[in-house]
Amino acid sequence: MTKKNGNANGRAKAEIELPDIKKDPVTIAVQAEMAEAKKKVNRLEAVESELSALREKIRGMEAEREKHAAALENAKVVRRQFAFNASDGDAEAQEILRAARVTQTEAALQLEDSQAAVDEARRRFDALEAERDGLAPSGPWHDAMALAKELLEKDGERIDFHMSGLIEVLSKHQERLEALKMFARDSGRERAFGNCGTRQVMRVFSTRMAAIWPLEYEKFSAVYQKNGYGQILRMQIASGIGVNLDAEPEGEATEATPTVEATEANP
């Protein structure tokens, strides 16, 4: 669609109005999930860094606390050592005792402060650990969304492309098989090639995929496990014209012709 506007020279100028390109809501949702997960991944990295720094800080705080605890205990020992002499009037002992009291009081307060600092640090550490645990799934989820985006952009389209080609080949092949059956019927051999059909292709495909993904695909009989579709078709045509493949030279025979679909339910 275009619209015309007059320009400065009075000449008409055509402007192309581009249609709004609708974005796939699934792709939009995946991108939004990926962006949100990325934020959490970034926060997770920051939390890990904070935990590492806080872990070292707590080690230093605990070492400081142990130092104050040792100073407190030493002050108590000094007081016990000089308490008697100080009470007996020994001036030097009294001075040492007074200094020990000051040291003990200071050490006790420092120890209390150190313990409070350690307790708070551990509380923060626990909170960061809880946050880290809550953020941990964001990494795999971000990877999942990145893969989902790639699957939407590449794999689906690629599979559809190949599937379209395969369907075209199979459709033409089925037409030829139907013609084969029709000619057989017209000749009075109505059931000669009755088991021929592209369903056999799908059975071979499903059986081979089942060897890789057993929970996703159905595995058919040993005939389909041992032979490709070309050989299956060969065996069916051989059966239709009465050729016994068991009579082939050793190394060429694969399975007795009648077993093709003889052990399978007729489709």
C-alpha atoms as a PDB file:
ATOM      1  CA  MET A   1       0.000   0.000   0.000  1.00  0.00           C
ATOM      2  CA  THR A   2       1.329   3.485  -0.827  1.00  0.00           C
ATOM      3  CA  LYS A   3       0.275   7.007  -0.117  1.00  0.00           C
ATOM      4  CA  LYS A   4       1.267  10.217  -1.892  1.00  0.00           C
ATOM      5  CA  ASN A   5       2.404  13.433  -0.257  1.00  0.00           C
ATOM      6  CA  GLY A   6       3.178  16.714  -1.975  1.00  0.00           C
ATOM      7  CA  ASN A   7       6.820  17.769  -1.784  1.00  0.00           C
ATOM      8  CA  ALA A   8       8.323  21.246  -1.845  1.00  0.00           C
ATOM      9  CA  ASN A   9       8.304  21.325  -5.652  1.00  0.00           C
ATOM     10  CA  GLY A  10       4.666  20.325  -5.843  1.00  0.00           C
ATOM     11  CA  ARG A  11       5.543  16.900  -7.171  1.00  0.00           C
ATOM     12  CA  ALA A  12       3.951  13.835  -5.678  1.00  0.00           C
ATOM     13  CA  LYS A  13       6.186  11.635  -3.637  1.00  0.00           C
ATOM     14  CA  ALA A  14       5.278   8.009  -3.008  1.00  0.00           C
ATOM     15  CA  GLU A  15       5.910   6.627   0.418  1.00  0.00           C
ATOM     16  CA  ILE A  16       5.754   2.905   0.976  1.00  0.00           C
ATOM     17  CA  GLU A  17       3.824   1.854   4.024  1.00  0.00           C
ATOM     18  CA  LEU A  18       5.345  -1.354   5.284  1.00  0.00           C
ATOM     19  CA  PRO A  19       2.838  -3.791   6.794  1.00  0.00           C
ATOM     20  CA  ASP A  20       3.171  -4.607  10.466  1.00  0.00           C
ATOM     21  CA  ILE A  21       5.176  -7.795  10.883  1.00  0.00           C
ATOM     22  CA  LYS A  22       3.476  -9.976  13.451  1.00  0.00           C
ATOM     23  CA  LYS A  23       5.868 -11.762  15.703  1.00  0.00           C
ATOM     24  CA  ASP A  24       5.275 -15.309  16.833  1.00  0.00           C
ATOM     25  CA  PRO A  25       3.900 -15.158  20.404  1.00  0.00           C
ATOM     26  CA  VAL A  26       5.755 -18.363  21.282  1.00  0.00           C
ATOM     27  CA  THR A  27       9.071 -16.897  20.148  1.00  0.00           C
ATOM     28  CA  ILE A  28       8.320 -13.692  22.045  1.00  0.00           C
ATOM     29  CA  ALA A  29       7.532 -15.678  25.197  1.00  0.00           C
ATOM     30  CA  VAL A  30      10.704 -17.759  24.853  1.00  0.00           C
ATOM     31  CA  GLN A  31      12.818 -14.632  24.406  1.00  0.00           C
ATOM     32  CA  ALA A  32      11.178 -13.049  27.448  1.00  0.00           C
ATOM     33  CA  GLU A  33      11.850 -16.155  29.522  1.00  0.00           C
ATOM     34  CA  MET A  34      15.444 -16.203  28.316  1.00  0.00           C
ATOM     35  CA  ALA A  35      15.949 -12.528  29.188  1.00  0.00           C
ATOM     36  CA  GLU A  36      14.470 -13.026  32.649  1.00  0.00           C
ATOM     37  CA  ALA A  37      16.597 -16.125  33.205  1.00  0.00           C
ATOM     38  CA  LYS A  38      19.686 -14.180  32.087  1.00  0.00           C
ATOM     39  CA  LYS A  39      19.020 -11.558  34.758  1.00  0.00           C
ATOM     40  CA  LYS A  40      18.843 -14.305  37.356  1.00  0.00           C
ATOM     41  CA  VAL A  41      22.015 -15.907  36.008  1.00  0.00           C
ATOM     42  CA  ASN A  42      23.804 -12.547  36.338  1.00  0.00           C
ATOM     43  CA  ARG A  43      22.511 -12.180  39.887  1.00  0.00           C
ATOM     44  CA  LEU A  44      23.593 -15.747  40.620  1.00  0.00           C
ATOM     45  CA  GLU A  45      27.125 -14.917  39.525  1.00  0.00           C
ATOM     46  CA  ALA A  46      27.088 -11.830  41.756  1.00  0.00           C
ATOM     47  CA  VAL A  47      25.795 -13.870  44.707  1.00  0.00           C
ATOM     48  CA  GLU A  48      28.549 -16.444  44.206  1.00  0.00           C
ATOM     49  CA  SER A  49      31.108 -13.624  44.265  1.00  0.00           C
ATOM     50  CA  GLU A  50      29.541 -12.125  47.393  1.00  0.00           C
ATOM     51  CA  LEU A  51      29.538 -15.512  49.111  1.00  0.00           C
ATOM     52  CA  SER A  52      33.203 -16.024  48.298  1.00  0.00           C
ATOM     53  CA  ALA A  53      34.148 -12.608  49.687  1.00  0.00           C
ATOM     54  CA  LEU A  54      31.958 -13.039  52.764  1.00  0.00           C
ATOM     55  CA  ARG A  55      33.374 -16.492  53.413  1.00  0.00           C
ATOM     56  CA  GLU A  56      36.877 -15.008  53.613  1.00  0.00           C
ATOM     57  CA  LYS A  57      35.610 -12.160  55.775  1.00  0.00           C
ATOM     58  CA  ILE A  58      34.030 -14.570  58.236  1.00  0.00           C
ATOM     59  CA  ARG A  59      37.310 -16.463  58.493  1.00  0.00           C
ATOM     60  CA  GLY A  60      39.037 -13.196  59.404  1.00  0.00           C
ATOM     61  CA  MET A  61      36.300 -12.299  61.915  1.00  0.00           C
ATOM     62  CA  GLU A  62      36.553 -15.689  63.580  1.00  0.00           C
ATOM     63  CA  ALA A  63      40.312 -15.329  63.833  1.00  0.00           C
ATOM     64  CA  GLU A  64      39.818 -11.879  65.417  1.00  0.00           C
ATOM     65  CA  ARG A  65      37.263 -13.330  67.829  1.00  0.00           C
ATOM     66  CA  GLU A  66      39.699 -16.043  68.877  1.00  0.00           C
ATOM     67  CA  LYS A  67      42.317 -13.363  69.490  1.00  0.00           C
ATOM     68  CA  HIS A  68      39.967 -11.438  71.791  1.00  0.00           C
ATOM     69  CA  ALA A  69      38.965 -14.667  73.549  1.00  0.00           C
ATOM     70  CA  ALA A  70      42.637 -15.435  74.193  1.00  0.00           C
ATOM     71  CA  ALA A  71      43.253 -11.896  75.504  1.00  0.00           C
ATOM     72  CA  LEU A  72      40.249 -12.245  77.830  1.00  0.00           C
ATOM     73  CA  GLU A  73      41.481 -15.562  79.177  1.00  0.00           C
ATOM     74  CA  ASN A  74      44.998 -14.205  79.671  1.00  0.00           C
ATOM     75  CA  ALA A  75      43.622 -11.240  81.615  1.00  0.00           C
ATOM     76  CA  LYS A  76      41.699 -13.606  83.868  1.00  0.00           C
ATOM     77  CA  VAL A  77      44.853 -15.639  84.484  1.00  0.00           C
ATOM     78  CA  VAL A  78      46.813 -12.494  85.418  1.00  0.00           C
ATOM     79  CA  ARG A  79      44.101 -11.400  87.834  1.00  0.00           C
ATOM     80  CA  ARG A  80      44.122 -14.779  89.524  1.00  0.00           C
ATOM     81  CA  GLN A  81      47.898 -14.651  89.813  1.00  0.00           C
ATOM     82  CA  PHE A  82      48.101 -11.187  91.372  1.00  0.00           C
ATOM     83  CA  ALA A  83      44.802 -10.967  93.250  1.00  0.00           C
ATOM     84  CA  PHE A  84      46.259 -12.156  96.573  1.00  0.00           C
ATOM     85  CA  ASN A  85      49.335  -9.917  96.499  1.00  0.00           C
ATOM     86  CA  ALA A  86      47.251  -6.930  95.462  1.00  0.00           C
ATOM     87  CA  SER A  87      44.835  -7.509  98.359  1.00  0.00           C
ATOM     88  CA  ASP A  88      47.845  -7.816 100.676  1.00  0.00           C
ATOM     89  CA  GLY A  89      48.946  -4.293  99.812  1.00  0.00           C
ATOM     90  CA  ASP A  90      51.536  -5.029  97.121  1.00  0.00           C
ATOM     91  CA  ALA A  91      51.527  -1.835  95.069  1.00  0.00           C
ATOM     92  CA  GLU A  92      53.063  -3.444  92.005  1.00  0.00           C
ATOM     93  CA  ALA A  93      50.536  -6.268  92.116  1.00  0.00           C
ATOM     94  CA  GLN A  94      47.741  -3.758  92.498  1.00  0.00           C
ATOM     95  CA  GLU A  95      48.923  -1.912  89.374  1.00  0.00           C
ATOM     96  CA  ILE A  96      49.161  -5.162  87.415  1.00  0.00           C
ATOM     97  CA  LEU A  97      45.692  -6.111  88.639  1.00  0.00           C
ATOM     98  CA  ARG A  98      44.220  -2.787  87.562  1.00  0.00           C
ATOM     99  CA  ALA A  99      45.770  -3.180  84.092  1.00  0.00           C
ATOM    100  CA  ALA A 100      44.459  -6.734  83.879  1.00  0.00           C
ATOM    101  CA  ARG A 101      40.967  -5.527  84.743  1.00  0.00           C
ATOM    102  CA  VAL A 102      41.080  -2.945  81.979  1.00  0.00           C
ATOM    103  CA  THR A 103      42.414  -5.545  79.553  1.00  0.00           C
ATOM    104  CA  GLN A 104      39.755  -8.056  80.584  1.00  0.00           C
ATOM    105  CA  THR A 105      36.940  -5.511  80.232  1.00  0.00           C
ATOM    106  CA  GLU A 106      38.191  -4.381  76.837  1.00  0.00           C
ATOM    107  CA  ALA A 107      38.738  -7.953  75.665  1.00  0.00           C
ATOM    108  CA  ALA A 108      35.261  -8.974  76.860  1.00  0.00           C
ATOM    109  CA  LEU A 109      33.652  -6.109  74.977  1.00  0.00           C
ATOM    110  CA  GLN A 110      35.724  -6.798  71.877  1.00  0.00           C
ATOM    111  CA  LEU A 111      34.854 -10.480  72.072  1.00  0.00           C
ATOM    112  CA  GLU A 112      31.164  -9.639  72.363  1.00  0.00           C
ATOM    113  CA  ASP A 113      31.416  -7.275  69.386  1.00  0.00           C
ATOM    114  CA  SER A 114      33.342  -9.884  67.383  1.00  0.00           C
ATOM    115  CA  GLN A 115      30.763 -12.539  68.138  1.00  0.00           C
ATOM    116  CA  ALA A 116      27.959 -10.202  67.097  1.00  0.00           C
ATOM    117  CA  ALA A 117      29.809  -9.422  63.857  1.00  0.00           C
ATOM    118  CA  VAL A 118      30.349 -13.126  63.143  1.00  0.00           C
ATOM    119  CA  ASP A 119      26.694 -13.891  63.873  1.00  0.00           C
ATOM    120  CA  GLU A 120      25.535 -11.165  61.508  1.00  0.00           C
ATOM    121  CA  ALA A 121      27.991 -12.291  58.828  1.00  0.00           C
ATOM    122  CA  ARG A 122      26.731 -15.850  59.108  1.00  0.00           C
ATOM    123  CA  ARG A 123      23.126 -14.633  58.894  1.00  0.00           C
ATOM    124  CA  ARG A 124      23.936 -12.770  55.715  1.00  0.00           C
ATOM    125  CA  PHE A 125      25.848 -15.782  54.419  1.00  0.00           C
ATOM    126  CA  ASP A 126      22.834 -18.028  55.044  1.00  0.00           C
ATOM    127  CA  ALA A 127      20.571 -15.537  53.280  1.00  0.00           C
ATOM    128  CA  LEU A 128      22.909 -15.426  50.273  1.00  0.00           C
ATOM    129  CA  GLU A 129      23.063 -19.202  50.193  1.00  0.00           C
ATOM    130  CA  ALA A 130      19.274 -19.384  50.185  1.00  0.00           C
ATOM    131  CA  GLU A 131      19.169 -16.831  47.365  1.00  0.00           C
ATOM    132  CA  ARG A 132      21.798 -18.798  45.457  1.00  0.00           C
ATOM    133  CA  ASP A 133      19.793 -22.007  45.824  1.00  0.00           C
ATOM    134  CA  GLY A 134      16.703 -20.209  44.557  1.00  0.00           C
ATOM    135  CA  LEU A 135      18.607 -18.820  41.571  1.00  0.00           C
ATOM    136  CA  ALA A 136      20.431 -22.061  40.728  1.00  0.00           C
ATOM    137  CA  PRO A 137      17.746 -23.364  38.315  1.00  0.00           C
ATOM    138  CA  SER A 138      17.986 -20.170  36.255  1.00  0.00           C
ATOM    139  CA  GLY A 139      21.172 -21.387  34.545  1.00  0.00           C
ATOM    140  CA  PRO A 140      19.692 -24.576  33.081  1.00  0.00           C
ATOM    141  CA  TRP A 141      16.428 -22.748  32.321  1.00  0.00           C
ATOM    142  CA  HIS A 142      18.311 -20.082  30.370  1.00  0.00           C
ATOM    143  CA  ASP A 143      20.059 -22.848  28.426  1.00  0.00           C
ATOM    144  CA  ALA A 144      16.685 -24.492  27.804  1.00  0.00           C
ATOM    145  CA  MET A 145      15.210 -21.261  26.458  1.00  0.00           C
ATOM    146  CA  ALA A 146      18.253 -20.624  24.264  1.00  0.00           C
ATOM    147  CA  LEU A 147      17.891 -24.121  22.842  1.00  0.00           C
ATOM    148  CA  ALA A 148      14.127 -23.669  22.422  1.00  0.00           C
ATOM    149  CA  LYS A 149      14.769 -20.458  20.465  1.00  0.00           C
ATOM    150  CA  GLU A 150      17.222 -22.294  18.219  1.00  0.00           C
ATOM    151  CA  LEU A 151      14.771 -25.169  17.735  1.00  0.00           C
ATOM    152  CA  LEU A 152      12.028 -22.734  16.733  1.00  0.00           C
ATOM    153  CA  GLU A 153      14.289 -20.830  14.357  1.00  0.00           C
ATOM    154  CA  LYS A 154      16.112 -23.743  12.726  1.00  0.00           C
ATOM    155  CA  ASP A 155      15.092 -27.311  13.464  1.00  0.00           C
ATOM    156  CA  GLY A 156      11.354 -27.036  12.874  1.00  0.00           C
ATOM    157  CA  GLU A 157      11.787 -25.351   9.508  1.00  0.00           C
ATOM    158  CA  ARG A 158      14.544 -27.766   8.489  1.00  0.00           C
ATOM    159  CA  ILE A 159      12.442 -30.816   9.408  1.00  0.00           C
ATOM    160  CA  ASP A 160       9.398 -29.414   7.596  1.00  0.00           C
ATOM    161  CA  PHE A 161      11.556 -28.868   4.511  1.00  0.00           C
ATOM    162  CA  HIS A 162      12.848 -32.430   4.495  1.00  0.00           C
ATOM    163  CA  MET A 163       9.437 -33.816   5.424  1.00  0.00           C
ATOM    164  CA  SER A 164       7.843 -32.064   2.465  1.00  0.00           C
ATOM    165  CA  GLY A 165      10.388 -33.681   0.168  1.00  0.00           C
ATOM    166  CA  LEU A 166       9.918 -37.077   1.780  1.00  0.00           C
ATOM    167  CA  ILE A 167       6.124 -36.822   1.566  1.00  0.00           C
ATOM    168  CA  GLU A 168       6.388 -35.991  -2.111  1.00  0.00           C
ATOM    169  CA  VAL A 169       8.622 -39.018  -2.732  1.00  0.00           C
ATOM    170  CA  LEU A 170       6.416 -41.329  -0.667  1.00  0.00           C
ATOM    171  CA  SER A 171       3.242 -40.050  -2.300  1.00  0.00           C
ATOM    172  CA  LYS A 172       4.580 -40.805  -5.768  1.00  0.00           C
ATOM    173  CA  HIS A 173       5.873 -44.159  -4.551  1.00  0.00           C
ATOM    174  CA  GLN A 174       2.443 -45.004  -3.104  1.00  0.00           C
ATOM    175  CA  GLU A 175       0.841 -44.146  -6.446  1.00  0.00           C
ATOM    176  CA  ARG A 176       3.191 -46.592  -8.154  1.00  0.00           C
ATOM    177  CA  LEU A 177       2.440 -49.261  -5.572  1.00  0.00           C
ATOM    178  CA  GLU A 178      -1.291 -48.756  -6.075  1.00  0.00           C
ATOM    179  CA  ALA A 179      -0.767 -49.128  -9.830  1.00  0.00           C
ATOM    180  CA  LEU A 180       1.168 -52.336  -9.164  1.00  0.00           C
ATOM    181  CA  LYS A 181      -1.748 -53.697  -7.115  1.00  0.00           C
ATOM    182  CA  MET A 182      -4.254 -52.646  -9.768  1.00  0.00           C
ATOM    183  CA  PHE A 183      -2.335 -54.412 -12.536  1.00  0.00           C
ATOM    184  CA  ALA A 184      -2.107 -57.515 -10.343  1.00  0.00           C
ATOM    185  CA  ARG A 185      -5.863 -57.436  -9.721  1.00  0.00           C
ATOM    186  CA  ASP A 186      -6.578 -56.974 -13.422  1.00  0.00           C
ATOM    187  CA  SER A 187      -4.453 -60.023 -14.106  1.00  0.00           C
ATOM    188  CA  GLY A 188      -6.500 -62.083 -11.694  1.00  0.00           C
ATOM    189  CA  ARG A 189      -3.910 -62.039  -8.897  1.00  0.00           C
ATOM    190  CA  GLU A 190      -5.770 -59.770  -6.523  1.00  0.00           C
ATOM    191  CA  ARG A 191      -3.654 -60.407  -3.444  1.00  0.00           C
ATOM    192  CA  ALA A 192      -0.250 -60.654  -5.117  1.00  0.00           C
ATOM    193  CA  PHE A 193       1.131 -57.397  -3.719  1.00  0.00           C
ATOM    194  CA  GLY A 194      -1.461 -56.682  -1.046  1.00  0.00           C
ATOM    195  CA  ASN A 195       1.090 -55.920   1.675  1.00  0.00           C
ATOM    196  CA  CYS A 196       3.015 -53.363  -0.375  1.00  0.00           C
ATOM    197  CA  GLY A 197       2.604 -49.846   0.950  1.00  0.00           C
ATOM    198  CA  THR A 198       4.529 -46.862   2.229  1.00  0.00           C
ATOM    199  CA  ARG A 199       3.498 -47.866   5.758  1.00  0.00           C
ATOM    200  CA  GLN A 200       6.431 -50.248   5.466  1.00  0.00           C
ATOM    201  CA  VAL A 201       8.741 -47.234   5.146  1.00  0.00           C
ATOM    202  CA  MET A 202       7.363 -45.863   8.389  1.00  0.00           C
ATOM    203  CA  ARG A 203       7.812 -49.230  10.111  1.00  0.00           C
ATOM    204  CA  VAL A 204      11.465 -49.345   9.105  1.00  0.00           C
ATOM    205  CA  PHE A 205      11.899 -45.716  10.166  1.00  0.00           C
ATOM    206  CA  SER A 206      10.175 -46.256  13.528  1.00  0.00           C
ATOM    207  CA  THR A 207      12.178 -49.417  14.221  1.00  0.00           C
ATOM    208  CA  ARG A 208      15.487 -47.709  13.479  1.00  0.00           C
ATOM    209  CA  MET A 209      14.594 -44.689  15.587  1.00  0.00           C
ATOM    210  CA  ALA A 210      13.515 -47.033  18.401  1.00  0.00           C
ATOM    211  CA  ALA A 211      17.080 -48.339  18.526  1.00  0.00           C
ATOM    212  CA  ILE A 212      18.139 -44.785  19.451  1.00  0.00           C
ATOM    213  CA  TRP A 213      15.070 -43.512  21.320  1.00  0.00           C
ATOM    214  CA  PRO A 214      13.250 -46.623  22.577  1.00  0.00           C
ATOM    215  CA  LEU A 215      10.686 -44.658  24.589  1.00  0.00           C
ATOM    216  CA  GLU A 216       9.693 -42.451  21.673  1.00  0.00           C
ATOM    217  CA  TYR A 217       9.225 -44.960  18.866  1.00  0.00           C
ATOM    218  CA  GLU A 218       7.643 -48.352  18.272  1.00  0.00           C
ATOM    219  CA  LYS A 219       9.911 -51.245  17.370  1.00  0.00           C
ATOM    220  CA  PHE A 220       8.514 -53.752  14.902  1.00  0.00           C
ATOM    221  CA  SER A 221       9.559 -57.351  14.249  1.00  0.00           C
ATOM    222  CA  ALA A 222      13.056 -58.618  13.484  1.00  0.00           C
ATOM    223  CA  VAL A 223      12.358 -58.326   9.742  1.00  0.00           C
ATOM    224  CA  TYR A 224      12.232 -54.545  10.093  1.00  0.00           C
ATOM    225  CA  GLN A 225      15.209 -54.531  12.420  1.00  0.00           C
ATOM    226  CA  LYS A 226      17.422 -56.401   9.962  1.00  0.00           C
ATOM    227  CA  ASN A 227      16.337 -54.930   6.630  1.00  0.00           C
ATOM    228  CA  GLY A 228      15.984 -51.556   4.975  1.00  0.00           C
ATOM    229  CA  TYR A 229      12.867 -50.597   3.066  1.00  0.00           C
ATOM    230  CA  GLY A 230      14.435 -51.508  -0.277  1.00  0.00           C
ATOM    231  CA  GLN A 231      14.925 -55.074   0.882  1.00  0.00           C
ATOM    232  CA  ILE A 232      11.447 -55.189   2.432  1.00  0.00           C
ATOM    233  CA  LEU A 233       9.970 -54.120  -0.922  1.00  0.00           C
ATOM    234  CA  ARG A 234      12.091 -56.702  -2.703  1.00  0.00           C
ATOM    235  CA  MET A 235      10.858 -59.421  -0.365  1.00  0.00           C
ATOM    236  CA  GLN A 236       7.212 -58.416  -0.875  1.00  0.00           C
ATOM    237  CA  ILE A 237       7.500 -58.384  -4.648  1.00  0.00           C
ATOM    238  CA  ALA A 238       9.309 -61.720  -4.512  1.00  0.00           C
ATOM    239  CA  SER A 239       6.440 -63.111  -2.471  1.00  0.00           C
ATOM    240  CA  GLY A 240       3.919 -61.722  -4.950  1.00  0.00           C
ATOM    241  CA  ILE A 241       5.514 -63.536  -7.877  1.00  0.00           C
ATOM    242  CA  GLY A 242       6.307 -66.708  -5.955  1.00  0.00           C
ATOM    243  CA  VAL A 243      10.080 -66.343  -5.661  1.00  0.00           C
ATOM    244  CA  ASN A 244      11.572 -68.053  -2.622  1.00  0.00           C
ATOM    245  CA  LEU A 245      14.422 -65.864  -1.382  1.00  0.00           C
ATOM    246  CA  ASP A 246      15.633 -68.708   0.819  1.00  0.00           C
ATOM    247  CA  ALA A 247      16.987 -70.256  -2.359  1.00  0.00           C
ATOM    248  CA  GLU A 248      19.372 -67.352  -2.972  1.00  0.00           C
ATOM    249  CA  PRO A 249      23.129 -67.907  -2.683  1.00  0.00           C
ATOM    250  CA  GLU A 250      24.449 -67.789   0.849  1.00  0.00           C
ATOM    251  CA  GLY A 251      25.011 -64.248   2.053  1.00  0.00           C
ATOM    252  CA  GLU A 252      22.166 -62.751   0.014  1.00  0.00           C
ATOM    253  CA  ALA A 253      19.192 -64.262   1.771  1.00  0.00           C
ATOM    254  CA  THR A 254      17.868 -62.151   4.602  1.00  0.00           C
ATOM    255  CA  GLU A 255      14.529 -63.530   5.750  1.00  0.00           C
ATOM    256  CA  ALA A 256      12.032 -66.014   4.352  1.00  0.00           C
ATOM    257  CA  THR A 257       9.722 -64.060   2.069  1.00  0.00           C
ATOM    258  CA  PRO A 258       6.439 -65.165   3.695  1.00  0.00           C
ATOM    259  CA  THR A 259       7.533 -63.740   7.043  1.00  0.00           C
ATOM    260  CA  VAL A 260       7.116 -60.167   5.824  1.00  0.00           C
ATOM    261  CA  GLU A 261       3.894 -59.119   7.505  1.00  0.00           C
ATOM    262  CA  ALA A 262       3.048 -62.754   8.081  1.00  0.00           C
ATOM    263  CA  THR A 263       3.980 -62.079  11.679  1.00  0.00           C
ATOM    264  CA  GLU A 264       2.659 -58.543  11.537  1.00  0.00           C
ATOM    265  CA  ALA A 265      -1.010 -57.544  11.695  1.00  0.00           C
ATOM    266  CA  ASN A 266      -2.202 -56.647   8.211  1.00  0.00           C
ATOM    267  CA  PRO A 267      -2.642 -52.858   8.012  1.00  0.00           C
END
